[in-house]
């Protein structure tokens, strides 16, 4: 259950493992600070994996598009390893890959770039991941003013980040 007024982010990410079990990634606040959560079905029972990546409380509310401190996550599963791709202001808005072995559920974090991508949201080549388990990430420094505000910025470089070897594999 997700409580009301819990800053539940819209547009969750979803995938399935090799056996067809669904995995859903989102974030909401159930203990004072919004955290990424993974909900998955295994043996006909729904389970939840909590994270503790973010430290500062914030509230999703009000009108218009929000400038939020953490992105929506993207989720990937490769055999027994679960990955969350995201960016967080507390990690200097770098692209981060969180990962855990499903049997241990102890998260590790790896920043895959050393520069800020602003308000970037995860975007990757899902077909390449499905076919070859290669992670190619579309990246661009993104600016977002809160509440439909306008920002004047220079055009930003577009990059594709190719991860040849993923952590924990």
N, C-alpha and C. Protein backbone atom coordinates (compact mmCIF):
# COMPACT_ATOMS: atom_id res chain seq x y z
N UNK A 1 0.84 -1.18 0.00
CA UNK A 1 0.00 0.00 0.00
C UNK A 1 0.89 1.24 0.00
N UNK A 2 0.45 2.23 -0.76
CA UNK A 2 1.14 3.52 -0.80
C UNK A 2 0.22 4.54 -0.14
N UNK A 3 0.67 5.17 0.95
CA UNK A 3 -0.20 6.11 1.65
C UNK A 3 -0.48 7.37 0.83
N UNK A 4 -1.63 8.01 1.10
CA UNK A 4 -1.95 9.29 0.48
C UNK A 4 -0.92 10.33 0.91
N UNK A 5 -0.74 11.34 0.05
CA UNK A 5 0.19 12.44 0.32
C UNK A 5 1.61 11.94 0.60
N UNK A 6 2.04 10.94 -0.14
CA UNK A 6 3.36 10.35 0.09
C UNK A 6 4.37 10.72 -0.99
N UNK A 7 4.06 11.73 -1.81
CA UNK A 7 4.95 12.17 -2.88
C UNK A 7 5.28 11.04 -3.85
N UNK A 8 4.28 10.22 -4.15
CA UNK A 8 4.44 9.15 -5.14
C UNK A 8 4.70 9.78 -6.50
N UNK A 9 5.80 9.40 -7.14
CA UNK A 9 6.12 9.93 -8.46
C UNK A 9 5.30 9.19 -9.51
N UNK A 10 4.91 9.91 -10.54
CA UNK A 10 4.16 9.28 -11.62
C UNK A 10 5.12 8.60 -12.60
N UNK A 11 4.58 7.88 -13.53
CA UNK A 11 5.33 7.21 -14.58
C UNK A 11 6.40 6.27 -14.03
N UNK A 12 5.97 5.18 -13.46
CA UNK A 12 6.89 4.19 -12.92
C UNK A 12 7.64 3.49 -14.06
N UNK A 13 8.70 2.79 -13.71
CA UNK A 13 9.45 1.98 -14.67
C UNK A 13 9.11 0.52 -14.39
N UNK A 14 9.05 -0.28 -15.45
CA UNK A 14 8.70 -1.69 -15.28
C UNK A 14 9.55 -2.56 -16.20
N UNK A 15 9.78 -3.79 -15.74
CA UNK A 15 10.46 -4.79 -16.55
C UNK A 15 10.04 -6.16 -16.06
N UNK A 16 10.53 -7.21 -16.71
CA UNK A 16 10.30 -8.58 -16.26
C UNK A 16 11.64 -9.30 -16.25
N UNK A 17 11.74 -10.32 -15.38
CA UNK A 17 12.95 -11.14 -15.37
C UNK A 17 12.82 -12.27 -16.39
N UNK A 18 13.81 -13.15 -16.43
CA UNK A 18 13.83 -14.24 -17.41
C UNK A 18 12.64 -15.20 -17.26
N UNK A 19 12.04 -15.25 -16.07
CA UNK A 19 10.89 -16.13 -15.82
C UNK A 19 9.55 -15.42 -16.03
N UNK A 20 9.60 -14.13 -16.40
CA UNK A 20 8.37 -13.39 -16.63
C UNK A 20 7.81 -12.71 -15.40
N UNK A 21 8.56 -12.70 -14.28
CA UNK A 21 8.09 -12.00 -13.08
C UNK A 21 8.24 -10.50 -13.25
N UNK A 22 7.18 -9.73 -12.97
CA UNK A 22 7.25 -8.28 -13.15
C UNK A 22 7.98 -7.58 -12.00
N UNK A 23 8.69 -6.50 -12.36
CA UNK A 23 9.38 -5.62 -11.41
C UNK A 23 8.96 -4.20 -11.73
N UNK A 24 8.58 -3.45 -10.70
CA UNK A 24 8.12 -2.07 -10.86
C UNK A 24 8.97 -1.19 -9.95
N UNK A 25 9.51 -0.10 -10.51
CA UNK A 25 10.31 0.84 -9.73
C UNK A 25 9.63 2.21 -9.72
N UNK A 26 9.63 2.83 -8.57
CA UNK A 26 9.05 4.15 -8.39
C UNK A 26 9.71 4.76 -7.16
N UNK A 27 9.15 5.89 -6.69
CA UNK A 27 9.54 6.35 -5.37
C UNK A 27 8.37 7.02 -4.69
N UNK A 28 8.39 6.92 -3.37
CA UNK A 28 7.41 7.60 -2.53
C UNK A 28 7.97 7.69 -1.14
N UNK A 29 7.25 8.41 -0.30
CA UNK A 29 7.67 8.69 1.07
C UNK A 29 6.79 7.88 2.01
N UNK A 30 7.37 6.93 2.72
CA UNK A 30 6.60 6.25 3.76
C UNK A 30 7.32 6.32 5.11
N UNK A 31 8.47 7.00 5.17
CA UNK A 31 9.21 7.15 6.42
C UNK A 31 9.84 8.53 6.55
N UNK A 32 9.25 9.55 5.97
CA UNK A 32 9.76 10.90 6.10
C UNK A 32 10.56 11.42 4.93
N UNK A 33 11.18 10.53 4.14
CA UNK A 33 12.00 10.94 3.00
C UNK A 33 11.62 10.06 1.80
N UNK A 34 11.30 10.66 0.66
CA UNK A 34 11.03 9.83 -0.53
C UNK A 34 12.23 8.95 -0.86
N UNK A 35 11.95 7.68 -1.13
CA UNK A 35 12.99 6.70 -1.46
C UNK A 35 12.55 5.86 -2.65
N UNK A 36 13.52 5.42 -3.44
CA UNK A 36 13.21 4.48 -4.50
C UNK A 36 12.73 3.18 -3.87
N UNK A 37 11.76 2.57 -4.53
CA UNK A 37 11.20 1.29 -4.10
C UNK A 37 11.07 0.39 -5.33
N UNK A 38 11.26 -0.88 -5.10
CA UNK A 38 11.02 -1.87 -6.15
C UNK A 38 9.97 -2.83 -5.63
N UNK A 39 8.92 -3.00 -6.40
CA UNK A 39 7.85 -3.95 -6.07
C UNK A 39 7.92 -5.03 -7.14
N UNK A 40 7.95 -6.29 -6.70
CA UNK A 40 8.07 -7.37 -7.66
C UNK A 40 7.23 -8.57 -7.23
N UNK A 41 6.85 -9.36 -8.22
CA UNK A 41 6.04 -10.55 -7.99
C UNK A 41 6.93 -11.78 -8.07
N UNK A 42 6.90 -12.60 -7.02
CA UNK A 42 7.67 -13.84 -7.00
C UNK A 42 6.84 -14.90 -6.27
N UNK A 43 6.68 -16.03 -6.93
CA UNK A 43 5.89 -17.13 -6.37
C UNK A 43 4.49 -16.66 -5.96
N UNK A 44 3.89 -15.86 -6.83
CA UNK A 44 2.52 -15.34 -6.67
C UNK A 44 2.34 -14.45 -5.44
N UNK A 45 3.45 -13.87 -4.97
CA UNK A 45 3.39 -12.96 -3.83
C UNK A 45 4.13 -11.67 -4.18
N UNK A 46 3.51 -10.52 -3.86
CA UNK A 46 4.14 -9.23 -4.11
C UNK A 46 5.12 -8.92 -2.97
N UNK A 47 6.29 -8.46 -3.34
CA UNK A 47 7.35 -8.11 -2.40
C UNK A 47 7.80 -6.69 -2.66
N UNK A 48 8.42 -6.05 -1.66
CA UNK A 48 8.92 -4.69 -1.82
C UNK A 48 10.36 -4.63 -1.33
N UNK A 49 11.19 -3.96 -2.12
CA UNK A 49 12.57 -3.70 -1.72
C UNK A 49 12.69 -2.19 -1.53
N UNK A 50 13.10 -1.77 -0.35
CA UNK A 50 13.31 -0.35 -0.06
C UNK A 50 14.77 0.01 -0.30
N UNK A 51 15.00 1.27 -0.60
CA UNK A 51 16.36 1.79 -0.68
C UNK A 51 16.50 2.91 0.34
N UNK A 52 17.72 3.36 0.54
CA UNK A 52 17.96 4.50 1.43
C UNK A 52 18.95 5.46 0.78
N UNK A 53 18.82 5.66 -0.54
CA UNK A 53 19.77 6.47 -1.29
C UNK A 53 19.65 7.96 -1.00
N UNK A 54 18.44 8.44 -0.73
CA UNK A 54 18.19 9.88 -0.59
C UNK A 54 18.05 10.23 0.90
N UNK A 55 18.53 11.41 1.30
CA UNK A 55 18.51 11.78 2.72
C UNK A 55 17.60 12.94 3.08
N UNK A 56 17.40 13.88 2.16
CA UNK A 56 16.64 15.09 2.49
C UNK A 56 15.17 14.95 2.09
N UNK A 57 14.26 15.33 2.99
CA UNK A 57 12.85 15.26 2.64
C UNK A 57 12.48 16.31 1.58
N UNK A 58 11.49 16.00 0.77
CA UNK A 58 10.88 16.95 -0.16
C UNK A 58 9.46 16.48 -0.42
N UNK A 59 8.65 17.38 -0.94
CA UNK A 59 7.24 17.08 -1.19
C UNK A 59 6.93 17.35 -2.65
N UNK A 60 6.33 16.36 -3.30
CA UNK A 60 5.80 16.58 -4.64
C UNK A 60 4.39 17.12 -4.48
N UNK A 61 4.21 18.35 -4.84
CA UNK A 61 2.90 18.96 -4.71
C UNK A 61 2.91 20.31 -5.37
N UNK A 62 1.73 20.88 -5.53
CA UNK A 62 1.63 22.18 -6.16
C UNK A 62 1.34 22.04 -7.64
N UNK A 63 1.26 23.16 -8.31
CA UNK A 63 0.89 23.17 -9.72
C UNK A 63 2.08 23.16 -10.65
N UNK A 64 1.84 22.69 -11.86
CA UNK A 64 2.84 22.74 -12.91
C UNK A 64 3.89 21.66 -12.81
N UNK A 65 4.81 21.72 -13.75
CA UNK A 65 5.93 20.79 -13.77
C UNK A 65 6.88 21.13 -12.65
N UNK A 66 7.35 20.11 -11.95
CA UNK A 66 8.20 20.33 -10.79
C UNK A 66 9.67 20.12 -11.13
N UNK A 67 10.49 20.90 -10.50
CA UNK A 67 11.93 20.67 -10.51
C UNK A 67 12.21 19.81 -9.28
N UNK A 68 12.45 18.53 -9.49
CA UNK A 68 12.53 17.61 -8.35
C UNK A 68 13.97 17.15 -8.13
N UNK A 69 14.33 16.89 -6.87
CA UNK A 69 15.73 16.57 -6.56
C UNK A 69 16.20 15.20 -7.01
N UNK A 70 15.29 14.30 -7.34
CA UNK A 70 15.71 13.00 -7.83
C UNK A 70 14.84 12.60 -9.02
N UNK A 71 15.44 11.91 -9.97
CA UNK A 71 14.71 11.52 -11.17
C UNK A 71 13.81 10.33 -10.90
N UNK A 72 12.92 10.08 -11.83
CA UNK A 72 12.24 8.80 -11.84
C UNK A 72 13.32 7.75 -12.11
N UNK A 73 13.18 6.55 -11.58
CA UNK A 73 14.19 5.53 -11.84
C UNK A 73 13.88 4.76 -13.13
N UNK A 74 14.88 4.13 -13.65
CA UNK A 74 14.71 3.12 -14.69
C UNK A 74 15.16 1.81 -14.06
N UNK A 75 14.52 0.71 -14.40
CA UNK A 75 14.81 -0.58 -13.77
C UNK A 75 15.24 -1.60 -14.81
N UNK A 76 16.25 -2.40 -14.44
CA UNK A 76 16.74 -3.48 -15.29
C UNK A 76 16.99 -4.70 -14.40
N UNK A 77 16.79 -5.87 -14.97
CA UNK A 77 17.09 -7.12 -14.26
C UNK A 77 17.94 -7.97 -15.19
N UNK A 78 19.03 -8.50 -14.65
CA UNK A 78 19.87 -9.43 -15.40
C UNK A 78 20.18 -10.62 -14.49
N UNK A 79 19.50 -11.72 -14.75
CA UNK A 79 19.62 -12.92 -13.92
C UNK A 79 19.28 -12.58 -12.48
N UNK A 80 20.24 -12.63 -11.56
CA UNK A 80 19.93 -12.38 -10.15
C UNK A 80 20.29 -10.96 -9.71
N UNK A 81 20.62 -10.07 -10.66
CA UNK A 81 21.02 -8.71 -10.31
C UNK A 81 19.94 -7.73 -10.75
N UNK A 82 19.58 -6.86 -9.83
CA UNK A 82 18.59 -5.81 -10.07
C UNK A 82 19.33 -4.48 -10.14
N UNK A 83 19.01 -3.66 -11.16
CA UNK A 83 19.66 -2.36 -11.36
C UNK A 83 18.61 -1.25 -11.35
N UNK A 84 18.95 -0.13 -10.72
CA UNK A 84 18.18 1.10 -10.82
C UNK A 84 19.09 2.17 -11.40
N UNK A 85 18.64 2.83 -12.45
CA UNK A 85 19.36 3.93 -13.08
C UNK A 85 18.65 5.21 -12.70
N UNK A 86 19.39 6.21 -12.19
CA UNK A 86 18.74 7.44 -11.72
C UNK A 86 19.75 8.56 -11.61
N UNK A 87 19.25 9.76 -11.25
CA UNK A 87 20.11 10.87 -10.85
C UNK A 87 19.49 11.51 -9.63
N UNK A 88 20.36 12.05 -8.76
CA UNK A 88 19.92 12.63 -7.50
C UNK A 88 20.78 13.85 -7.20
N UNK A 89 20.14 14.96 -6.80
CA UNK A 89 20.89 16.17 -6.43
C UNK A 89 21.91 15.88 -5.34
N UNK A 90 21.59 14.97 -4.42
CA UNK A 90 22.51 14.64 -3.35
C UNK A 90 23.77 13.92 -3.85
N UNK A 91 23.74 13.45 -5.09
CA UNK A 91 24.90 12.83 -5.71
C UNK A 91 25.41 13.73 -6.84
N UNK A 92 25.20 15.04 -6.68
CA UNK A 92 25.64 16.07 -7.64
C UNK A 92 25.03 15.88 -9.03
N UNK A 93 23.83 15.32 -9.08
CA UNK A 93 23.10 15.11 -10.33
C UNK A 93 23.90 14.32 -11.37
N UNK A 94 24.72 13.39 -10.90
CA UNK A 94 25.41 12.48 -11.80
C UNK A 94 24.48 11.32 -12.14
N UNK A 95 24.75 10.65 -13.24
CA UNK A 95 24.00 9.44 -13.57
C UNK A 95 24.55 8.32 -12.69
N UNK A 96 23.66 7.69 -11.94
CA UNK A 96 24.06 6.67 -10.97
C UNK A 96 23.36 5.36 -11.29
N UNK A 97 24.10 4.29 -11.10
CA UNK A 97 23.54 2.94 -11.24
C UNK A 97 23.59 2.28 -9.87
N UNK A 98 22.40 2.02 -9.31
CA UNK A 98 22.31 1.26 -8.08
C UNK A 98 22.09 -0.20 -8.44
N UNK A 99 22.69 -1.10 -7.68
CA UNK A 99 22.52 -2.51 -8.00
C UNK A 99 22.58 -3.37 -6.74
N UNK A 100 21.89 -4.49 -6.82
CA UNK A 100 21.86 -5.44 -5.72
C UNK A 100 21.61 -6.84 -6.27
N UNK A 101 22.14 -7.83 -5.58
CA UNK A 101 21.78 -9.21 -5.88
C UNK A 101 20.44 -9.47 -5.19
N UNK A 102 19.52 -10.04 -5.91
CA UNK A 102 18.17 -10.22 -5.38
C UNK A 102 18.12 -11.05 -4.11
N UNK A 103 19.04 -11.96 -3.94
CA UNK A 103 19.02 -12.77 -2.72
C UNK A 103 19.59 -12.03 -1.52
N UNK A 104 20.40 -10.97 -1.74
CA UNK A 104 21.01 -10.24 -0.62
C UNK A 104 20.30 -8.93 -0.31
N UNK A 105 19.83 -8.25 -1.34
CA UNK A 105 19.12 -6.97 -1.20
C UNK A 105 19.95 -5.94 -0.45
N UNK A 106 21.25 -5.93 -0.69
CA UNK A 106 22.15 -4.91 -0.16
C UNK A 106 22.63 -4.07 -1.33
N UNK A 107 22.21 -2.82 -1.37
CA UNK A 107 22.47 -1.95 -2.51
C UNK A 107 23.88 -1.41 -2.51
N UNK A 108 24.43 -1.28 -3.70
CA UNK A 108 25.69 -0.57 -3.95
C UNK A 108 25.39 0.46 -5.03
N UNK A 109 26.11 1.58 -4.98
CA UNK A 109 25.91 2.66 -5.95
C UNK A 109 27.19 2.93 -6.71
N UNK A 110 27.05 3.18 -8.01
CA UNK A 110 28.19 3.53 -8.86
C UNK A 110 27.79 4.71 -9.73
N UNK A 111 28.50 5.84 -9.58
CA UNK A 111 28.30 6.96 -10.50
C UNK A 111 28.98 6.59 -11.80
N UNK A 112 28.26 6.66 -12.90
CA UNK A 112 28.84 6.22 -14.16
C UNK A 112 29.39 7.38 -14.99
N UNK A 113 29.21 8.60 -14.50
CA UNK A 113 29.83 9.78 -15.09
C UNK A 113 30.34 10.65 -13.95
N UNK A 114 31.18 11.62 -14.25
CA UNK A 114 31.72 12.49 -13.19
C UNK A 114 31.28 13.94 -13.35
N UNK A 115 30.16 14.16 -14.06
CA UNK A 115 29.65 15.51 -14.28
C UNK A 115 28.13 15.51 -14.09
N UNK A 116 27.58 16.70 -13.88
CA UNK A 116 26.14 16.85 -13.65
C UNK A 116 25.35 16.78 -14.95
N UNK A 117 24.17 16.17 -14.87
CA UNK A 117 23.23 16.18 -16.00
C UNK A 117 21.97 16.96 -15.64
N UNK A 118 22.08 17.82 -14.60
CA UNK A 118 20.96 18.68 -14.22
C UNK A 118 19.72 17.89 -13.83
N UNK A 119 18.62 18.16 -14.47
CA UNK A 119 17.33 17.52 -14.17
C UNK A 119 17.02 16.34 -15.10
N UNK A 120 18.05 15.72 -15.63
CA UNK A 120 17.93 14.58 -16.55
C UNK A 120 17.07 13.46 -15.96
N UNK A 121 16.35 12.80 -16.84
CA UNK A 121 15.58 11.61 -16.50
C UNK A 121 16.15 10.43 -17.31
N UNK A 122 16.24 9.24 -16.72
CA UNK A 122 16.85 8.10 -17.42
C UNK A 122 16.20 7.79 -18.77
N UNK A 123 17.08 7.52 -19.72
CA UNK A 123 16.67 7.18 -21.07
C UNK A 123 17.73 6.24 -21.64
N UNK A 124 17.33 5.04 -22.03
CA UNK A 124 18.30 4.06 -22.51
C UNK A 124 17.73 3.28 -23.68
N UNK A 125 18.61 2.58 -24.38
CA UNK A 125 18.21 1.74 -25.51
C UNK A 125 17.71 0.41 -24.94
N UNK A 126 16.40 0.30 -24.77
CA UNK A 126 15.83 -0.90 -24.15
C UNK A 126 15.92 -2.13 -25.05
N UNK A 127 15.86 -1.94 -26.35
CA UNK A 127 15.97 -3.09 -27.25
C UNK A 127 17.38 -3.68 -27.21
N UNK A 128 18.40 -2.82 -27.16
CA UNK A 128 19.78 -3.30 -27.06
C UNK A 128 19.99 -4.04 -25.74
N UNK A 129 19.38 -3.52 -24.66
CA UNK A 129 19.46 -4.23 -23.38
C UNK A 129 18.80 -5.61 -23.48
N UNK A 130 17.63 -5.64 -24.08
CA UNK A 130 16.90 -6.91 -24.20
C UNK A 130 17.66 -7.92 -25.05
N UNK A 131 18.21 -7.46 -26.17
CA UNK A 131 18.86 -8.37 -27.11
C UNK A 131 20.26 -8.81 -26.67
N UNK A 132 21.05 -7.86 -26.16
CA UNK A 132 22.47 -8.14 -25.90
C UNK A 132 22.93 -7.85 -24.48
N UNK A 133 22.03 -7.37 -23.62
CA UNK A 133 22.39 -6.97 -22.24
C UNK A 133 23.49 -5.92 -22.24
N UNK A 134 23.43 -5.02 -23.24
CA UNK A 134 24.33 -3.88 -23.31
C UNK A 134 23.56 -2.64 -22.89
N UNK A 135 24.19 -1.82 -22.05
CA UNK A 135 23.52 -0.62 -21.54
C UNK A 135 24.09 0.62 -22.23
N UNK A 136 23.27 1.22 -23.09
CA UNK A 136 23.61 2.47 -23.76
C UNK A 136 22.61 3.52 -23.28
N UNK A 137 23.13 4.58 -22.67
CA UNK A 137 22.30 5.60 -22.01
C UNK A 137 22.38 6.90 -22.78
N UNK A 138 21.23 7.47 -23.11
CA UNK A 138 21.15 8.78 -23.73
C UNK A 138 21.27 9.82 -22.62
N UNK A 139 22.18 10.78 -22.79
CA UNK A 139 22.46 11.74 -21.73
C UNK A 139 22.52 13.16 -22.30
N UNK A 140 21.96 14.09 -21.53
CA UNK A 140 22.04 15.51 -21.87
C UNK A 140 21.80 16.31 -20.60
N UNK A 141 22.53 17.39 -20.41
CA UNK A 141 22.30 18.27 -19.27
C UNK A 141 20.96 18.96 -19.48
N UNK A 142 20.04 18.77 -18.54
CA UNK A 142 18.68 19.27 -18.66
C UNK A 142 18.40 20.27 -17.55
N UNK A 143 17.76 21.38 -17.90
CA UNK A 143 17.34 22.36 -16.89
C UNK A 143 15.83 22.38 -16.82
N UNK A 144 15.30 22.50 -15.61
CA UNK A 144 13.85 22.52 -15.40
C UNK A 144 13.53 23.53 -14.32
N UNK A 145 12.81 24.57 -14.68
CA UNK A 145 12.35 25.54 -13.68
C UNK A 145 11.11 24.97 -13.01
N UNK A 146 10.93 25.29 -11.74
CA UNK A 146 9.79 24.78 -10.99
C UNK A 146 8.51 25.52 -11.40
N UNK A 147 7.41 24.79 -11.43
CA UNK A 147 6.09 25.39 -11.65
C UNK A 147 5.93 26.08 -12.98
N UNK A 148 6.41 25.49 -14.06
CA UNK A 148 6.29 26.02 -15.42
C UNK A 148 7.09 27.29 -15.65
N UNK A 149 8.11 27.54 -14.84
CA UNK A 149 8.97 28.70 -15.07
C UNK A 149 9.82 28.51 -16.31
N UNK A 150 10.43 29.59 -16.76
CA UNK A 150 11.29 29.55 -17.94
C UNK A 150 12.73 29.80 -17.56
N UNK A 151 13.64 29.09 -18.21
CA UNK A 151 15.07 29.27 -18.00
C UNK A 151 15.72 29.56 -19.34
N UNK A 152 16.70 30.44 -19.34
CA UNK A 152 17.48 30.70 -20.55
C UNK A 152 18.81 29.98 -20.41
N UNK A 153 19.02 28.97 -21.26
CA UNK A 153 20.27 28.22 -21.22
C UNK A 153 20.79 28.03 -22.64
N UNK A 154 22.08 27.81 -22.74
CA UNK A 154 22.71 27.50 -24.02
C UNK A 154 22.33 26.07 -24.45
N UNK A 155 22.38 25.79 -25.76
CA UNK A 155 22.17 24.40 -26.19
C UNK A 155 23.15 23.48 -25.49
N UNK A 156 22.69 22.27 -25.18
CA UNK A 156 23.48 21.31 -24.42
C UNK A 156 23.86 20.11 -25.29
N UNK A 157 25.09 19.64 -25.09
CA UNK A 157 25.62 18.49 -25.83
C UNK A 157 24.82 17.23 -25.50
N UNK A 158 24.60 16.42 -26.51
CA UNK A 158 23.96 15.12 -26.34
C UNK A 158 25.06 14.05 -26.36
N UNK A 159 24.93 13.07 -25.47
CA UNK A 159 25.92 12.00 -25.40
C UNK A 159 25.20 10.66 -25.29
N UNK A 160 25.87 9.63 -25.76
CA UNK A 160 25.44 8.26 -25.51
C UNK A 160 26.57 7.60 -24.72
N UNK A 161 26.22 7.16 -23.54
CA UNK A 161 27.18 6.51 -22.65
C UNK A 161 27.02 5.01 -22.81
N UNK A 162 28.09 4.34 -23.21
CA UNK A 162 28.05 2.89 -23.44
C UNK A 162 28.78 2.20 -22.32
N UNK A 163 28.05 1.45 -21.53
CA UNK A 163 28.67 0.67 -20.46
C UNK A 163 28.97 -0.72 -20.98
N UNK A 164 30.24 -1.03 -21.08
CA UNK A 164 30.65 -2.33 -21.62
C UNK A 164 30.50 -3.44 -20.59
N UNK A 165 30.76 -3.10 -19.33
CA UNK A 165 30.65 -4.10 -18.27
C UNK A 165 29.90 -3.47 -17.11
N UNK A 166 28.85 -4.11 -16.68
CA UNK A 166 28.05 -3.60 -15.57
C UNK A 166 28.60 -4.11 -14.24
N UNK A 167 28.50 -3.30 -13.19
CA UNK A 167 28.91 -3.80 -11.87
C UNK A 167 28.07 -5.02 -11.49
N UNK A 168 28.65 -5.89 -10.71
CA UNK A 168 28.00 -7.08 -10.16
C UNK A 168 27.75 -8.18 -11.18
N UNK A 169 28.23 -8.02 -12.40
CA UNK A 169 28.07 -9.10 -13.40
C UNK A 169 29.36 -9.83 -13.62
